[in-house]
Amino acid sequence: QTEIKYAILMLDSDGSGVIELKEFQTWWGSADRWEKLFLDEQALRQRTAAANVFRRFDPTGSGNIKNCDFMELHQTLKEF
């Protein structure tokens, strides 16, 4: 499930929440399209931890954080 969410994020290059035909075609046309979608265990753990930190700053689950919270989020993520 985590790999699927990551794959969607990778394909959705403009962050719209929708994989558009142009985004899919760009991904499909790349020679390393499958390698881009899979993470090793360490990278998967890091991204999961980063997503968990982000959620702490997004208590409503909207997918957005306040600009004033970004500095603290950034500092926390630098510790990874």
Protein backbone atom coordinates (compact mmCIF):
# COMPACT_ATOMS: atom_id res chain seq x y z
CA GLN A 1 0.00 0.00 0.00
CA THR A 2 2.82 2.43 0.83
CA GLU A 3 4.51 1.68 -2.50
CA ILE A 4 1.25 2.39 -4.34
CA LYS A 5 0.86 5.76 -2.60
CA TYR A 6 4.47 6.58 -3.44
CA ALA A 7 3.97 5.54 -7.07
CA ILE A 8 0.96 7.85 -7.34
CA LEU A 9 2.98 10.72 -5.89
CA MET A 10 5.78 10.06 -8.38
CA LEU A 11 3.46 10.02 -11.37
CA ASP A 12 1.43 13.04 -10.26
CA SER A 13 4.22 15.47 -11.13
CA ASP A 14 2.12 18.63 -10.76
CA GLY A 15 0.70 17.57 -7.38
CA SER A 16 -2.91 17.94 -8.50
CA GLY A 17 -4.00 14.65 -6.92
CA VAL A 18 -4.85 13.27 -10.36
CA ILE A 19 -2.59 11.36 -12.75
CA GLU A 20 -3.18 13.08 -16.05
CA LEU A 21 -2.59 11.46 -19.42
CA LYS A 22 0.48 13.64 -20.08
CA GLU A 23 2.00 12.62 -16.73
CA PHE A 24 1.34 8.96 -17.44
CA GLN A 25 2.80 9.21 -20.94
CA THR A 26 5.94 10.90 -19.61
CA TRP A 27 6.39 8.17 -17.01
CA TRP A 28 5.60 5.36 -19.45
CA GLY A 29 8.08 6.74 -22.00
CA SER A 30 10.99 6.75 -19.57
CA ALA A 31 13.39 3.83 -19.80
CA ASP A 32 13.70 3.53 -16.03
CA ARG A 33 9.98 3.88 -15.27
CA TRP A 34 9.81 0.82 -12.99
CA GLU A 35 12.96 1.62 -11.05
CA LYS A 36 11.55 5.04 -10.13
CA LEU A 37 8.56 3.45 -8.42
CA PHE A 38 10.28 1.12 -5.99
CA LEU A 39 12.18 2.03 -2.86
CA ASP A 40 14.66 0.07 -0.86
CA GLU A 41 13.78 -0.58 2.79
CA GLN A 42 15.77 2.36 4.14
CA ALA A 43 14.22 4.85 1.70
CA LEU A 44 10.76 3.48 2.45
CA ARG A 45 11.34 3.89 6.21
CA GLN A 46 12.59 7.45 5.71
CA ARG A 47 9.62 8.47 3.60
CA THR A 48 7.19 6.86 6.02
CA ALA A 49 8.82 8.71 8.92
CA ALA A 50 8.74 11.99 6.99
CA ALA A 51 5.06 11.50 6.18
CA ASN A 52 4.35 10.85 9.86
CA VAL A 53 6.14 14.07 10.81
CA PHE A 54 4.14 15.97 8.19
CA ARG A 55 0.92 14.60 9.64
CA ARG A 56 1.85 16.05 13.04
CA PHE A 57 1.75 19.49 11.41
CA ASP A 58 -1.46 18.69 9.53
CA PRO A 59 -3.90 17.74 12.31
CA THR A 60 -6.96 18.05 10.05
CA GLY A 61 -5.50 15.71 7.42
CA SER A 62 -6.05 18.28 4.67
CA GLY A 63 -2.65 17.66 3.08
CA ASN A 64 -1.64 21.24 3.81
CA ILE A 65 0.41 22.88 6.52
CA LYS A 66 0.62 26.51 7.54
CA ASN A 67 3.58 28.51 6.28
CA CYS A 68 4.46 29.39 9.85
CA ASP A 69 4.79 25.66 10.67
CA PHE A 70 7.06 24.90 7.75
CA MET A 71 10.24 26.09 9.45
CA GLU A 72 9.71 23.68 12.36
CA LEU A 73 8.77 20.87 9.96
CA HIS A 74 11.90 21.54 7.91
CA GLN A 75 14.11 21.50 11.01
CA THR A 76 12.56 18.23 12.18
CA LEU A 77 13.07 16.59 8.78
CA LYS A 78 16.72 17.69 8.64
CA GLU A 79 17.34 15.42 11.61
CA PHE A 80 16.57 12.34 9.51
